[in-house]
Amino acid sequence: HAWRSLAGERPTAARYAPEFNQLYVPRGQSVHIYDGRTFELISRVDLQSVLDELQYDASARQLYVGCMTPGKTGIAVIAIPEGKLLGKIPLPAKPQGIAVEQGGKRIFANVPSLKQVAVVDRDKRALLHPWRLQGVQGNTPMALDEAHHRLFVGARRPPRLVVLDTLTGKPVAEVAIDGFADDLFYDPTCQRIYISCGEGFIDVIEQHDAGHYRLLARLPTAEDAATSTFSAQLKSFYLGVPRSGDQPAEIRVFKVGNR
């Protein structure tokens, strides 16, 4: 594999749109749009806020960006491939983790400081009734299983995977996981959930059915190795491992088997 580094402010997330060959990276208070082949900067979208979360909806051709600055918290909506700011959905506090329905019109976002999941109508760009979480704090990553109407939320205190019914917002299951869950992905083919935990593990949760889940495996990684992404097409899980002492930073690739 060949790697290339893009100079600039430290990125907090990244998304790629293969149909437009564009790479989207939040840097500082702007989303930078790069050519996916040459990595040349195409344009910047200034959002006048510290940025963190990023989610791309291919069907709507829209990019959703978490705005974190107090007084400006919300989700910015950017048209793709034009890179045009369409508007902003205000939220009561900082969002952490965003999931977008493909068969519906809702956006879900964790709001950890309020111990809730924000539910947004993406067509009206309006906040609907939030879902309050009970018994957990630090809800950060999330992933969606639309076929079974399930939203998976990774909480940090205590470390838990919380499964919510997206029809009612009510919890249906809970599984103990490792500490500092940072990224979380659902694999619909294998019916598994992959969670990268900064405590030094990848947790694999098996979905027996819509209401029953169990910890299938704990894969040791490295302390603070929390950032990851999953490609269902390539059946691969990618984990970023930060530099530690003389050990250089690296990307570890895990192949996902069949169920």
Protein backbone atom coordinates (compact mmCIF):
# COMPACT_ATOMS: atom_id res chain seq x y z
CA HIS A 1 0.00 0.00 0.00
CA ALA A 2 1.12 3.57 -0.72
CA TRP A 3 0.32 6.32 1.76
CA ARG A 4 0.27 10.07 1.34
CA SER A 5 -0.02 12.73 4.02
CA LEU A 6 -2.08 15.90 3.50
CA ALA A 7 -0.49 18.90 5.21
CA GLY A 8 -2.60 21.25 7.28
CA GLU A 9 -4.45 21.50 10.57
CA ARG A 10 -5.14 18.22 12.34
CA PRO A 11 -8.22 16.59 10.79
CA THR A 12 -10.99 15.28 13.04
CA ALA A 13 -12.74 13.03 10.51
CA ALA A 14 -12.83 12.17 6.81
CA ARG A 15 -15.36 10.91 4.28
CA TYR A 16 -15.02 9.92 0.62
CA ALA A 17 -17.62 10.10 -2.17
CA PRO A 18 -16.49 7.61 -4.85
CA GLU A 19 -19.11 8.72 -7.37
CA PHE A 20 -17.56 12.22 -7.40
CA ASN A 21 -14.03 11.16 -6.45
CA GLN A 22 -13.99 13.73 -3.66
CA LEU A 23 -12.50 13.55 -0.16
CA TYR A 24 -13.98 15.67 2.64
CA VAL A 25 -11.85 16.61 5.66
CA PRO A 26 -12.76 19.02 8.50
CA ARG A 27 -9.79 21.24 9.36
CA GLY A 28 -10.17 24.02 11.90
CA GLN A 29 -13.46 25.75 11.12
CA SER A 30 -13.71 24.67 7.47
CA VAL A 31 -14.46 21.52 5.50
CA HIS A 32 -11.73 21.00 2.91
CA ILE A 33 -12.74 19.25 -0.31
CA TYR A 34 -9.95 17.38 -2.11
CA ASP A 35 -9.69 15.66 -5.47
CA GLY A 36 -9.69 11.96 -4.60
CA ARG A 37 -7.07 11.12 -7.24
CA THR A 38 -4.56 13.97 -7.03
CA PHE A 39 -5.41 15.15 -3.47
CA GLU A 40 -5.35 18.72 -4.72
CA LEU A 41 -7.56 21.09 -2.73
CA ILE A 42 -10.72 21.89 -4.71
CA SER A 43 -12.50 24.21 -2.29
CA ARG A 44 -13.20 25.07 1.34
CA VAL A 45 -16.54 25.52 3.09
CA ASP A 46 -16.19 27.90 6.05
CA LEU A 47 -18.60 26.97 8.85
CA GLN A 48 -17.28 29.39 11.50
CA SER A 49 -17.23 26.67 14.14
CA VAL A 50 -14.94 23.99 15.48
CA LEU A 51 -15.83 20.82 13.56
CA ASP A 52 -15.75 17.16 14.45
CA GLU A 53 -18.31 14.66 13.18
CA LEU A 54 -18.82 14.00 9.48
CA GLN A 55 -21.35 11.85 7.62
CA TYR A 56 -22.09 11.54 3.90
CA ASP A 57 -25.50 10.67 2.46
CA ALA A 58 -24.99 9.47 -1.12
CA SER A 59 -28.72 9.28 -1.93
CA ALA A 60 -29.35 12.91 -0.95
CA ARG A 61 -25.89 14.04 -2.15
CA GLN A 62 -25.39 15.87 1.12
CA LEU A 63 -22.61 16.06 3.69
CA TYR A 64 -23.53 16.48 7.37
CA VAL A 65 -20.97 18.14 9.62
CA GLY A 66 -21.01 18.40 13.41
CA CYS A 67 -20.46 21.98 14.63
CA MET A 68 -19.00 22.07 18.14
CA THR A 69 -18.48 25.71 19.13
CA PRO A 70 -20.73 26.74 22.07
CA GLY A 71 -23.57 28.91 20.83
CA LYS A 72 -23.17 27.49 17.31
CA THR A 73 -23.75 23.79 17.96
CA GLY A 74 -25.60 21.86 15.30
CA ILE A 75 -25.30 19.97 12.03
CA ALA A 76 -24.27 21.85 8.89
CA VAL A 77 -25.63 20.58 5.56
CA ILE A 78 -23.40 20.83 2.47
CA ALA A 79 -24.49 20.00 -1.10
CA ILE A 80 -22.19 17.56 -2.89
CA PRO A 81 -20.33 17.78 -5.29
CA GLU A 82 -20.87 21.56 -5.46
CA GLY A 83 -19.55 22.17 -1.95
CA LYS A 84 -22.35 24.64 -1.25
CA LEU A 85 -23.59 25.28 2.30
CA LEU A 86 -27.34 24.65 2.31
CA GLY A 87 -28.03 25.48 5.93
CA LYS A 88 -27.57 24.42 9.52
CA ILE A 89 -29.71 22.38 11.90
CA PRO A 90 -29.34 23.85 15.43
CA LEU A 91 -28.76 21.43 18.32
CA PRO A 92 -28.86 22.24 22.05
CA ALA A 93 -25.26 21.03 22.62
CA LYS A 94 -22.27 19.44 20.86
CA PRO A 95 -23.06 16.45 18.61
CA GLN A 96 -20.92 13.31 18.79
CA GLY A 97 -21.69 10.61 16.24
CA ILE A 98 -24.15 11.05 13.37
CA ALA A 99 -26.25 8.41 11.57
CA VAL A 100 -28.46 9.06 8.54
CA GLU A 101 -31.50 7.06 7.43
CA GLN A 102 -31.45 5.96 3.79
CA GLY A 103 -35.05 4.75 3.72
CA GLY A 104 -36.40 7.62 5.81
CA LYS A 105 -35.83 11.30 6.46
CA ARG A 106 -34.27 11.29 9.92
CA ILE A 107 -30.78 12.07 11.15
CA PHE A 108 -29.65 10.80 14.56
CA ALA A 109 -26.90 12.46 16.60
CA ASN A 110 -25.50 11.73 20.04
CA VAL A 111 -25.58 14.69 22.43
CA PRO A 112 -23.46 13.33 25.31
CA SER A 113 -23.61 16.37 27.59
CA LEU A 114 -27.40 15.99 27.75
CA LYS A 115 -27.34 12.15 27.84
CA GLN A 116 -29.61 11.98 24.83
CA VAL A 117 -29.89 11.18 21.14
CA ALA A 118 -31.10 14.07 19.00
CA VAL A 119 -33.57 13.14 16.25
CA VAL A 120 -33.72 15.49 13.26
CA ASP A 121 -36.07 15.79 10.28
CA ARG A 122 -33.53 16.30 7.49
CA ASP A 123 -36.11 17.60 4.98
CA LYS A 124 -37.41 20.30 7.32
CA ARG A 125 -34.00 20.64 9.02
CA ALA A 126 -35.85 20.66 12.32
CA LEU A 127 -35.16 19.02 15.68
CA LEU A 128 -37.74 16.42 16.71
CA HIS A 129 -38.31 14.98 20.19
CA PRO A 130 -34.98 13.71 21.63
CA TRP A 131 -34.44 10.26 23.11
CA ARG A 132 -33.18 10.34 26.68
CA LEU A 133 -30.65 7.65 27.66
CA GLN A 134 -30.96 6.01 31.07
CA GLY A 135 -28.07 4.73 33.19
CA VAL A 136 -25.25 5.61 30.78
CA GLN A 137 -23.17 8.68 29.94
CA GLY A 138 -20.63 9.66 27.31
CA ASN A 139 -22.65 8.40 24.34
CA THR A 140 -20.23 9.03 21.49
CA PRO A 141 -20.25 6.72 18.40
CA MET A 142 -23.37 5.33 16.73
CA ALA A 143 -24.45 3.18 13.79
CA LEU A 144 -27.78 2.33 12.21
CA ASP A 145 -29.45 -0.95 11.25
CA GLU A 146 -32.45 0.21 9.24
CA ALA A 147 -33.67 -3.26 8.29
CA HIS A 148 -34.31 -4.14 11.94
CA HIS A 149 -35.13 -0.58 13.11
CA ARG A 150 -32.16 -0.49 15.46
CA LEU A 151 -29.76 2.29 16.46
CA PHE A 152 -26.51 1.23 18.13
CA VAL A 153 -25.01 3.72 20.60
CA GLY A 154 -21.60 3.37 22.23
CA ALA A 155 -21.50 4.77 25.79
CA ARG A 156 -18.34 5.31 27.85
CA ARG A 157 -19.64 5.52 31.44
CA PRO A 158 -20.17 2.69 32.07
CA PRO A 159 -18.79 1.15 28.84
CA ARG A 160 -21.87 -0.20 27.09
CA LEU A 161 -23.40 -0.82 23.70
CA VAL A 162 -26.98 0.42 23.96
CA VAL A 163 -29.46 -0.77 21.33
CA LEU A 164 -32.44 1.51 20.67
CA ASP A 165 -35.65 0.82 18.73
CA THR A 166 -35.84 3.54 16.07
CA LEU A 167 -39.64 3.28 15.95
CA THR A 168 -40.04 4.17 19.63
CA GLY A 169 -36.67 5.43 20.87
CA LYS A 170 -36.81 2.85 23.66
CA PRO A 171 -33.83 0.63 24.66
CA VAL A 172 -34.14 -3.04 23.72
CA ALA A 173 -30.71 -4.43 24.69
CA GLU A 174 -27.40 -3.57 26.34
CA VAL A 175 -23.98 -5.24 26.13
CA ALA A 176 -20.86 -4.51 28.24
CA ILE A 177 -17.91 -3.40 26.08
CA ASP A 178 -14.36 -2.11 26.55
CA GLY A 179 -13.55 1.45 27.57
CA PHE A 180 -13.47 4.61 25.47
CA ALA A 181 -15.59 3.52 22.51
CA ASP A 182 -14.76 5.95 19.70
CA ASP A 183 -15.98 4.49 16.40
CA LEU A 184 -18.75 1.97 15.77
CA PHE A 185 -19.94 0.22 12.60
CA TYR A 186 -22.71 -2.22 11.70
CA ASP A 187 -22.02 -5.02 9.21
CA PRO A 188 -25.43 -6.06 7.80
CA THR A 189 -24.01 -9.06 5.92
CA CYS A 190 -22.49 -10.70 8.99
CA GLN A 191 -24.96 -9.04 11.40
CA ARG A 192 -22.12 -7.86 13.62
CA ILE A 193 -21.15 -4.59 15.26
CA TYR A 194 -17.49 -3.53 15.33
CA ILE A 195 -16.36 -1.06 18.01
CA SER A 196 -12.87 0.43 18.25
CA CYS A 197 -12.11 1.17 21.90
CA GLY A 198 -9.24 3.42 23.02
CA GLU A 199 -8.63 1.12 25.97
CA GLY A 200 -6.89 -1.15 23.45
CA PHE A 201 -9.47 -3.47 21.90
CA ILE A 202 -11.78 -3.97 18.96
CA ASP A 203 -15.02 -5.42 20.31
CA VAL A 204 -17.13 -7.57 17.99
CA ILE A 205 -20.80 -7.87 18.94
CA GLU A 206 -22.99 -10.53 17.35
CA GLN A 207 -26.60 -9.73 16.50
CA HIS A 208 -28.57 -12.94 17.01
CA ASP A 209 -31.80 -11.15 16.15
CA ALA A 210 -33.20 -7.63 16.56
CA GLY A 211 -33.51 -8.04 20.32
CA HIS A 212 -30.55 -10.23 21.29
CA TYR A 213 -26.82 -9.41 21.20
CA ARG A 214 -23.64 -10.85 22.68
CA LEU A 215 -19.93 -10.06 22.81
CA LEU A 216 -18.38 -12.38 20.24
CA ALA A 217 -14.70 -11.33 20.38
CA ARG A 218 -12.23 -8.86 21.93
CA LEU A 219 -9.26 -8.23 19.65
CA PRO A 220 -6.25 -6.66 21.44
CA THR A 221 -4.87 -3.60 19.61
CA ALA A 222 -2.99 -0.74 21.31
CA GLU A 223 -3.76 1.90 23.88
CA ASP A 224 -5.42 5.00 22.37
CA ALA A 225 -6.03 3.18 19.06
CA ALA A 226 -9.60 4.41 18.79
CA THR A 227 -10.13 5.85 15.29
CA SER A 228 -11.36 3.37 12.68
CA THR A 229 -13.46 2.85 9.59
CA PHE A 230 -15.16 -0.14 8.00
CA SER A 231 -15.64 -1.02 4.33
CA ALA A 232 -18.46 -3.49 3.76
CA GLN A 233 -17.51 -3.71 0.07
CA LEU A 234 -13.90 -4.67 0.84
CA LYS A 235 -14.87 -6.64 3.97
CA SER A 236 -12.11 -4.82 5.82
CA PHE A 237 -11.83 -2.92 9.10
CA TYR A 238 -9.15 -0.22 9.33
CA LEU A 239 -7.75 0.94 12.67
CA GLY A 240 -5.51 3.96 13.23
CA VAL A 241 -2.77 3.32 15.79
CA PRO A 242 -1.05 6.50 17.04
CA ARG A 243 2.68 6.84 17.48
CA SER A 244 3.94 5.63 20.86
CA GLY A 245 7.61 6.10 21.79
CA ASP A 246 9.74 4.51 19.09
CA GLN A 247 6.72 2.75 17.58
CA PRO A 248 5.58 4.73 14.50
CA ALA A 249 1.95 5.43 13.73
CA GLU A 250 0.30 2.81 11.55
CA ILE A 251 -2.93 1.65 9.95
CA ARG A 252 -3.89 -1.90 10.86
CA VAL A 253 -6.17 -3.76 8.46
CA PHE A 254 -8.46 -6.56 9.67
CA LYS A 255 -10.29 -8.80 7.20
CA VAL A 256 -13.87 -9.64 8.06
CA GLY A 257 -15.02 -13.21 7.46
CA ASN A 258 -18.45 -14.64 6.86
CA ARG A 259 -20.92 -15.34 9.61
